[in-house]
Amino acid sequence: MNLTIADLSEVDKDFIPGLMYIRDNEATTEEFEGMTLPFTVPNASGQDIQLSSKYSHITLENRAEYVRLAINYRLHEFDEQVSAVREGMARVVPVPLLSLFTGYELETMVCGSPDIPLHLLKSVATYKGVEPTSPLIHWFWEVMESFSNTERSLFLRFVWGRTRLPRTIADFRGRDFVVQVLDKYNPPDHFLPESYTCFFLLKLPRYSCKQVLEEKLKYAIHFCKSIDTDDYARIALTGEPTADNSSEDSDNEDADSFASDSTQDYLTGH
């Protein structure tokens, strides 16, 4: 696939508009030269690259040449690095075979689809401590249906440590998405969900209604993204602190923890 200006816009959205300003500027020769624009282009790391040994500044006469050289430089700035990546890929996959696929098809095969199809997630879901036909499970899937694709991706990160689903059921390789409902949360509406990314496991309190489930799940996926530093979230969501759930009561620490994304199990090798 040939490189185009659109490829440049994906990595530097301000680069092309800047060039178009230079190319289409209607200033007089005197006004243009008064700008004293150097015949250089900033590379990806912000360093100025001299494009020509013939010109030191951009003028009305050479600005078309400047635009051509600037675009050419930025389009091929990473040729050496891309070649190294290609060489590395060739050690694993016969590179000529990759021409059988489009870029999107290859990305999907390697990374999974950027779209999160819920029917695929449902097909590998299993349930513990709750019936699949229970109102809580219906609420859960209705909330997931209402999520945007970005929110679904955040949900996957929360429960599995990844942002995309495999392409097919076979690609799950027997790994089920487990939804476990526990009664240890009391009262349940005061607690956030827990997840164990190593096991693709979501633990839900037995919420009283769909609205509460949606509120708690959204909070968890937006504010509990790290699997390394979730100790900050290990307090009960009960409004004003009370004697029963304060940090001084060490006996209640486990009962009051919530919004875990598996750090405790991760750090202990579970």
Protein backbone atom coordinates (compact mmCIF):
# COMPACT_ATOMS: atom_id res chain seq x y z
CA MET A 1 0.00 0.00 0.00
CA ASN A 2 1.41 3.34 -1.03
CA LEU A 3 1.94 5.96 1.67
CA THR A 4 -0.26 9.05 1.42
CA ILE A 5 -0.73 12.39 3.15
CA ALA A 6 -3.51 10.75 5.17
CA ASP A 7 -0.87 8.51 6.80
CA LEU A 8 1.00 11.61 7.94
CA SER A 9 -2.16 13.10 9.42
CA GLU A 10 -2.56 9.99 11.60
CA VAL A 11 0.77 10.61 13.34
CA ASP A 12 0.96 14.43 13.17
CA LYS A 13 -2.36 16.18 12.60
CA ASP A 14 -0.80 19.66 12.46
CA PHE A 15 1.91 18.90 9.91
CA ILE A 16 -0.11 19.01 6.67
CA PRO A 17 -2.14 22.14 7.59
CA GLY A 18 1.18 23.90 8.28
CA LEU A 19 2.48 22.96 4.85
CA MET A 20 -0.74 24.05 3.18
CA TYR A 21 -0.41 27.44 4.88
CA ILE A 22 3.04 27.83 3.35
CA ARG A 23 1.94 26.60 -0.08
CA ASP A 24 -1.21 28.71 -0.34
CA ASN A 25 -0.07 31.86 1.47
CA GLU A 26 -0.95 34.96 -0.57
CA ALA A 27 1.65 37.25 0.99
CA THR A 28 3.85 39.40 -1.20
CA THR A 29 7.46 38.42 -1.78
CA GLU A 30 8.62 40.98 0.75
CA GLU A 31 6.05 39.86 3.35
CA PHE A 32 6.85 36.19 2.82
CA GLU A 33 10.60 36.65 3.12
CA GLY A 34 9.98 38.72 6.23
CA MET A 35 8.73 35.56 7.93
CA THR A 36 12.25 34.07 7.58
CA LEU A 37 10.99 30.50 7.49
CA PRO A 38 13.92 28.02 7.57
CA PHE A 39 14.14 25.33 4.89
CA THR A 40 13.87 22.66 7.55
CA VAL A 41 11.25 20.24 8.79
CA PRO A 42 10.79 18.94 12.35
CA ASN A 43 11.12 15.18 12.62
CA ALA A 44 9.12 12.95 14.97
CA SER A 45 11.43 13.73 17.89
CA GLY A 46 11.20 17.49 17.33
CA GLN A 47 14.64 18.01 15.76
CA ASP A 48 14.90 20.31 12.74
CA ILE A 49 16.12 18.53 9.60
CA GLN A 50 17.70 20.55 6.80
CA LEU A 51 15.97 19.53 3.57
CA SER A 52 18.34 21.08 1.04
CA SER A 53 21.93 22.26 0.85
CA LYS A 54 20.84 24.71 -1.85
CA TYR A 55 18.29 26.69 0.19
CA SER A 56 18.48 28.03 3.73
CA HIS A 57 15.05 29.75 3.84
CA ILE A 58 11.67 29.26 2.20
CA THR A 59 10.73 31.77 -0.49
CA LEU A 60 7.79 32.17 -2.83
CA GLU A 61 9.92 30.68 -5.60
CA ASN A 62 11.05 27.54 -3.74
CA ARG A 63 8.07 26.88 -1.47
CA ALA A 64 6.59 24.23 -3.79
CA GLU A 65 9.93 22.39 -3.66
CA TYR A 66 9.93 22.76 0.13
CA VAL A 67 6.47 21.22 0.46
CA ARG A 68 7.46 18.32 -1.80
CA LEU A 69 10.67 17.60 0.13
CA ALA A 70 8.99 17.99 3.52
CA ILE A 71 6.24 15.51 2.67
CA ASN A 72 8.72 13.06 1.17
CA TYR A 73 10.93 13.23 4.26
CA ARG A 74 8.10 12.65 6.72
CA LEU A 75 6.59 9.83 4.66
CA HIS A 76 9.88 7.93 4.63
CA GLU A 77 11.19 9.01 8.03
CA PHE A 78 10.74 5.55 9.51
CA ASP A 79 11.80 3.41 6.53
CA GLU A 80 14.78 1.98 8.43
CA GLN A 81 12.69 1.09 11.47
CA VAL A 82 9.89 -0.38 9.35
CA SER A 83 12.46 -2.49 7.52
CA ALA A 84 13.72 -3.84 10.84
CA VAL A 85 10.17 -4.71 11.92
CA ARG A 86 9.60 -6.44 8.60
CA GLU A 87 12.81 -8.42 9.00
CA GLY A 88 11.72 -9.49 12.49
CA MET A 89 8.30 -10.57 11.23
CA ALA A 90 9.97 -12.55 8.44
CA ARG A 91 11.70 -14.69 11.07
CA VAL A 92 8.28 -15.81 12.32
CA VAL A 93 5.93 -15.59 9.33
CA PRO A 94 6.73 -15.88 5.60
CA VAL A 95 6.27 -12.20 4.75
CA PRO A 96 5.04 -12.77 1.13
CA LEU A 97 2.01 -14.55 2.59
CA LEU A 98 0.97 -11.36 4.37
CA SER A 99 0.09 -9.83 1.00
CA LEU A 100 -2.94 -12.15 1.00
CA PHE A 101 -4.55 -9.93 3.65
CA THR A 102 -5.45 -6.29 3.98
CA GLY A 103 -3.93 -4.29 6.82
CA TYR A 104 -7.21 -4.45 8.74
CA GLU A 105 -7.49 -8.23 8.29
CA LEU A 106 -3.94 -8.75 9.54
CA GLU A 107 -4.52 -6.46 12.53
CA THR A 108 -7.68 -8.38 13.43
CA MET A 109 -5.91 -11.75 13.17
CA VAL A 110 -3.10 -10.62 15.47
CA CYS A 111 -4.86 -8.24 17.88
CA GLY A 112 -8.53 -9.16 17.66
CA SER A 113 -11.32 -6.93 16.44
CA PRO A 114 -11.50 -3.37 17.80
CA ASP A 115 -15.28 -3.90 17.93
CA ILE A 116 -16.50 -5.80 20.99
CA PRO A 117 -19.26 -8.21 19.89
CA LEU A 118 -21.29 -9.09 22.99
CA HIS A 119 -22.68 -12.26 21.47
CA LEU A 120 -19.15 -13.65 21.43
CA LEU A 121 -18.60 -12.72 25.07
CA LYS A 122 -21.97 -14.21 26.04
CA SER A 123 -21.13 -17.46 24.30
CA VAL A 124 -18.17 -18.09 26.63
CA ALA A 125 -19.86 -16.80 29.81
CA THR A 126 -20.41 -19.09 32.78
CA TYR A 127 -22.07 -18.23 36.08
CA LYS A 128 -21.39 -19.07 39.71
CA GLY A 129 -23.73 -18.38 42.61
CA VAL A 130 -26.48 -17.18 40.30
CA GLU A 131 -28.76 -18.57 37.61
CA PRO A 132 -28.22 -17.34 34.02
CA THR A 133 -31.91 -16.38 33.92
CA SER A 134 -31.82 -14.30 37.11
CA PRO A 135 -32.73 -10.58 37.00
CA LEU A 136 -29.18 -9.61 38.03
CA ILE A 137 -27.67 -11.33 34.98
CA HIS A 138 -30.30 -9.78 32.71
CA TRP A 139 -29.43 -6.37 34.12
CA PHE A 140 -25.73 -7.01 33.61
CA TRP A 141 -26.10 -7.83 29.91
CA GLU A 142 -28.52 -4.96 29.35
CA VAL A 143 -25.94 -2.60 30.83
CA MET A 144 -23.24 -4.11 28.62
CA GLU A 145 -25.51 -3.63 25.58
CA SER A 146 -25.87 0.05 26.47
CA PHE A 147 -22.10 0.54 26.73
CA SER A 148 -20.22 2.21 23.90
CA ASN A 149 -17.44 0.25 22.24
CA THR A 150 -14.92 2.27 24.27
CA GLU A 151 -16.67 1.33 27.52
CA ARG A 152 -16.77 -2.33 26.51
CA SER A 153 -13.04 -2.14 25.87
CA LEU A 154 -12.53 -0.62 29.33
CA PHE A 155 -14.63 -3.43 30.79
CA LEU A 156 -12.42 -6.06 29.13
CA ARG A 157 -9.35 -4.34 30.52
CA PHE A 158 -10.91 -4.43 33.98
CA VAL A 159 -11.84 -8.12 33.93
CA TRP A 160 -9.16 -9.60 31.63
CA GLY A 161 -6.30 -7.12 31.30
CA ARG A 162 -6.83 -6.77 27.54
CA THR A 163 -8.86 -4.38 25.40
CA ARG A 164 -10.08 -6.67 22.61
CA LEU A 165 -11.78 -10.02 22.30
CA PRO A 166 -10.33 -12.92 20.30
CA ARG A 167 -11.76 -13.31 16.82
CA THR A 168 -13.65 -16.57 17.36
CA ILE A 169 -14.77 -18.87 20.16
CA ALA A 170 -11.94 -21.25 19.26
CA ASP A 171 -9.44 -18.44 19.86
CA PHE A 172 -10.55 -18.27 23.51
CA ARG A 173 -8.83 -21.67 23.88
CA GLY A 174 -11.24 -22.89 26.50
CA ARG A 175 -11.08 -19.77 28.66
CA ASP A 176 -14.53 -18.90 30.01
CA PHE A 177 -15.70 -15.50 31.16
CA VAL A 178 -16.89 -16.20 34.70
CA VAL A 179 -19.51 -14.06 36.42
CA GLN A 180 -19.68 -14.89 40.12
CA VAL A 181 -22.28 -13.43 42.44
CA LEU A 182 -21.43 -13.41 46.15
CA ASP A 183 -23.44 -12.58 49.24
CA LYS A 184 -20.44 -11.46 51.32
CA TYR A 185 -21.10 -7.84 50.35
CA ASN A 186 -23.46 -6.37 52.94
CA PRO A 187 -25.24 -4.22 52.01
CA PRO A 188 -24.50 -5.06 48.37
CA ASP A 189 -25.38 -1.63 46.96
CA HIS A 190 -22.48 -0.11 48.92
CA PHE A 191 -19.81 -2.12 47.10
CA LEU A 192 -18.16 -2.08 43.68
CA PRO A 193 -17.49 -5.15 41.51
CA GLU A 194 -14.23 -7.07 41.82
CA SER A 195 -12.27 -8.65 39.00
CA TYR A 196 -9.48 -11.18 38.73
CA THR A 197 -7.78 -10.63 35.39
CA CYS A 198 -5.71 -13.83 35.60
CA PHE A 199 -8.92 -15.85 35.66
CA PHE A 200 -11.20 -13.67 33.45
CA LEU A 201 -13.45 -13.47 36.51
CA LEU A 202 -15.96 -10.82 37.55
CA LYS A 203 -17.39 -10.87 41.08
CA LEU A 204 -20.65 -8.99 41.50
CA PRO A 205 -22.53 -8.05 44.65
CA ARG A 206 -26.21 -8.95 44.52
CA TYR A 207 -27.33 -5.46 43.52
CA SER A 208 -30.89 -4.38 44.17
CA CYS A 209 -31.57 -2.86 40.74
CA LYS A 210 -30.15 -2.29 37.28
CA GLN A 211 -29.41 1.39 37.96
CA VAL A 212 -27.10 0.56 40.86
CA LEU A 213 -25.33 -2.15 38.86
CA GLU A 214 -24.72 0.26 35.98
CA GLU A 215 -23.42 2.99 38.29
CA LYS A 216 -21.01 0.69 40.14
CA LEU A 217 -19.77 -1.06 37.00
CA LYS A 218 -19.10 2.21 35.18
CA TYR A 219 -17.20 3.55 38.15
CA ALA A 220 -15.08 0.41 38.32
CA ILE A 221 -14.10 0.31 34.64
CA HIS A 222 -13.28 4.03 34.47
CA PHE A 223 -11.37 4.44 37.72
CA CYS A 224 -9.76 1.06 38.38
CA LYS A 225 -7.56 0.46 35.33
CA SER A 226 -4.27 -0.61 36.88
CA ILE A 227 -3.47 -4.12 38.07
CA ASP A 228 -0.52 -2.83 40.09
CA THR A 229 -1.86 -0.03 42.31
CA ASP A 230 -5.42 -0.78 43.32
CA ASP A 231 -4.87 -0.70 47.09
CA TYR A 232 -6.21 2.86 47.05
CA ALA A 233 -9.63 1.41 46.25
CA ARG A 234 -9.79 -1.02 49.15
CA ILE A 235 -12.31 0.91 51.26
CA ALA A 236 -16.08 0.59 51.54
CA LEU A 237 -18.26 2.92 49.51
CA THR A 238 -20.65 3.80 52.31
CA GLY A 239 -20.67 7.59 52.34
CA GLU A 240 -19.52 9.12 55.61
CA PRO A 241 -16.95 7.04 57.57
CA THR A 242 -18.34 5.10 60.50
CA ALA A 243 -16.83 3.15 63.34
CA ASP A 244 -17.85 -0.11 61.66
CA ASN A 245 -15.87 0.42 58.43
CA SER A 246 -13.02 2.69 59.46
CA SER A 247 -9.43 1.79 58.69
CA GLU A 248 -8.83 1.27 62.41
CA ASP A 249 -10.98 -1.86 62.36
CA SER A 250 -8.49 -4.28 60.86
CA ASP A 251 -10.87 -7.23 61.33
CA ASN A 252 -13.22 -5.72 58.74
CA GLU A 253 -10.57 -4.91 56.13
CA ASP A 254 -11.34 -7.87 53.87
CA ALA A 255 -15.09 -7.38 54.16
CA ASP A 256 -14.75 -3.71 53.25
CA SER A 257 -12.50 -4.11 50.22
CA PHE A 258 -13.91 -3.47 46.75
CA ALA A 259 -13.12 -2.55 43.14
CA SER A 260 -10.18 -4.90 43.03
CA ASP A 261 -8.77 -5.66 39.57
CA SER A 262 -6.77 -8.67 40.73
CA THR A 263 -3.65 -6.99 42.10
CA GLN A 264 -3.73 -9.01 45.28
CA ASP A 265 -3.90 -12.28 43.34
CA TYR A 266 -1.52 -11.02 40.69
CA LEU A 267 1.18 -10.09 43.18
CA THR A 268 0.85 -13.41 44.99
CA GLY A 269 0.99 -15.41 41.78
CA HIS A 270 -2.65 -16.52 41.80
